[in-house]
Protein backbone atom coordinates (compact mmCIF):
# COMPACT_ATOMS: atom_id res chain seq x y z
CA UNK A 1 -2.23 27.87 11.58
CA UNK A 2 -2.27 26.39 8.15
CA UNK A 3 -0.44 24.51 5.49
CA UNK A 4 1.41 26.71 2.99
CA UNK A 5 2.46 24.91 -0.22
CA UNK A 6 5.85 25.96 -1.50
CA UNK A 7 6.03 25.81 -5.28
CA UNK A 8 9.38 27.51 -6.02
CA UNK A 9 12.19 29.30 -4.38
CA UNK A 10 15.09 31.67 -5.10
CA UNK A 11 18.29 31.90 -2.99
CA UNK A 12 20.53 34.75 -2.26
CA UNK A 13 23.84 33.32 -1.17
CA UNK A 14 23.09 30.95 1.70
CA UNK A 15 19.61 32.38 2.51
CA UNK A 16 16.23 32.10 0.92
CA UNK A 17 15.37 35.34 -0.97
CA UNK A 18 11.81 34.40 -1.92
CA UNK A 19 9.33 31.57 -1.97
CA UNK A 20 6.45 31.22 -4.29
CA UNK A 21 3.64 29.87 -2.15
CA UNK A 22 0.00 28.80 -2.51
CA UNK A 23 -2.59 28.90 0.14
CA UNK A 24 -5.85 26.89 -0.22
CA UNK A 25 -8.27 28.63 -2.49
CA UNK A 26 -5.93 31.61 -3.30
CA UNK A 27 -3.66 32.36 -6.17
CA UNK A 28 0.08 31.90 -5.77
CA UNK A 29 2.10 34.68 -4.39
CA UNK A 30 5.68 35.42 -3.73
CA UNK A 31 6.86 36.10 -0.23
CA UNK A 32 10.28 37.23 1.11
CA UNK A 33 12.49 35.60 3.74
CA UNK A 34 11.23 37.82 6.58
CA UNK A 35 7.68 36.82 5.84
CA UNK A 36 8.64 33.14 5.57
CA UNK A 37 10.32 33.32 9.07
CA UNK A 38 7.26 35.26 10.57
CA UNK A 39 4.77 32.72 9.15
CA UNK A 40 6.80 29.79 10.53
CA UNK A 41 7.04 31.47 13.97
CA UNK A 42 3.20 31.90 13.83
CA UNK A 43 2.96 28.06 13.38
CA UNK A 44 2.25 27.73 9.70
CA UNK A 45 3.70 24.66 7.98
CA UNK A 46 5.57 25.41 4.79
CA UNK A 47 5.43 22.29 2.65
CA UNK A 48 7.43 21.91 -0.53
CA UNK A 49 4.98 20.86 -3.30
CA UNK A 50 5.75 19.61 -6.80
CA UNK A 51 2.54 17.77 -7.36
CA UNK A 52 2.93 15.87 -4.15
CA UNK A 53 3.64 17.05 -0.66
CA UNK A 54 7.10 16.76 0.78
CA UNK A 55 8.27 17.04 4.46
CA UNK A 56 7.78 20.49 5.80
CA UNK A 57 10.57 23.09 6.18
CA UNK A 58 11.99 23.64 9.61
CA UNK A 59 12.88 26.78 11.54
CA UNK A 60 16.26 26.18 13.22
CA UNK A 61 17.84 28.85 15.56
CA UNK A 62 21.63 29.15 15.59
CA UNK A 63 23.00 31.76 18.02
CA UNK A 64 19.44 33.27 18.23
CA UNK A 65 19.22 33.71 14.43
CA UNK A 66 16.51 31.82 12.58
CA UNK A 67 17.34 29.70 9.61
CA UNK A 68 14.88 27.85 7.29
CA UNK A 69 16.12 24.33 6.73
CA UNK A 70 15.04 21.03 5.11
CA UNK A 71 16.73 19.26 8.04
CA UNK A 72 17.27 19.97 11.71
CA UNK A 73 21.03 20.50 11.55
CA UNK A 74 22.05 23.56 13.45
CA UNK A 75 23.98 25.15 10.64
CA UNK A 76 23.83 28.97 10.08
CA UNK A 77 22.35 28.74 6.55
CA UNK A 78 19.02 28.14 4.89
CA UNK A 79 18.65 24.96 2.91
CA UNK A 80 15.93 23.67 0.59
CA UNK A 81 15.07 20.11 -0.41
CA UNK A 82 16.10 18.86 -3.85
CA UNK A 83 12.56 19.34 -5.10
CA UNK A 84 12.94 23.15 -4.82
CA UNK A 85 16.68 23.62 -5.47
CA UNK A 86 16.25 23.68 -9.23
CA UNK A 87 13.50 26.33 -9.09
């Protein structure tokens, strides 16, 4: 398990399309939503980062479907914190 710093994001409708992430000691890379969910299920913390660390994103299940959220509200959509929304 490790901390994954999230530098930017793109949305497709109400779901995350991609996240630009950085792992310690490695260059930034872009991952798709399926990879995001898989990493979170594996126990990695995805932490929005704009020069400082923000609260980690959460994986919330609604009707057995995973959603990536910046809060724990059981709503069937992905959400991002304000620090990533403009990205």
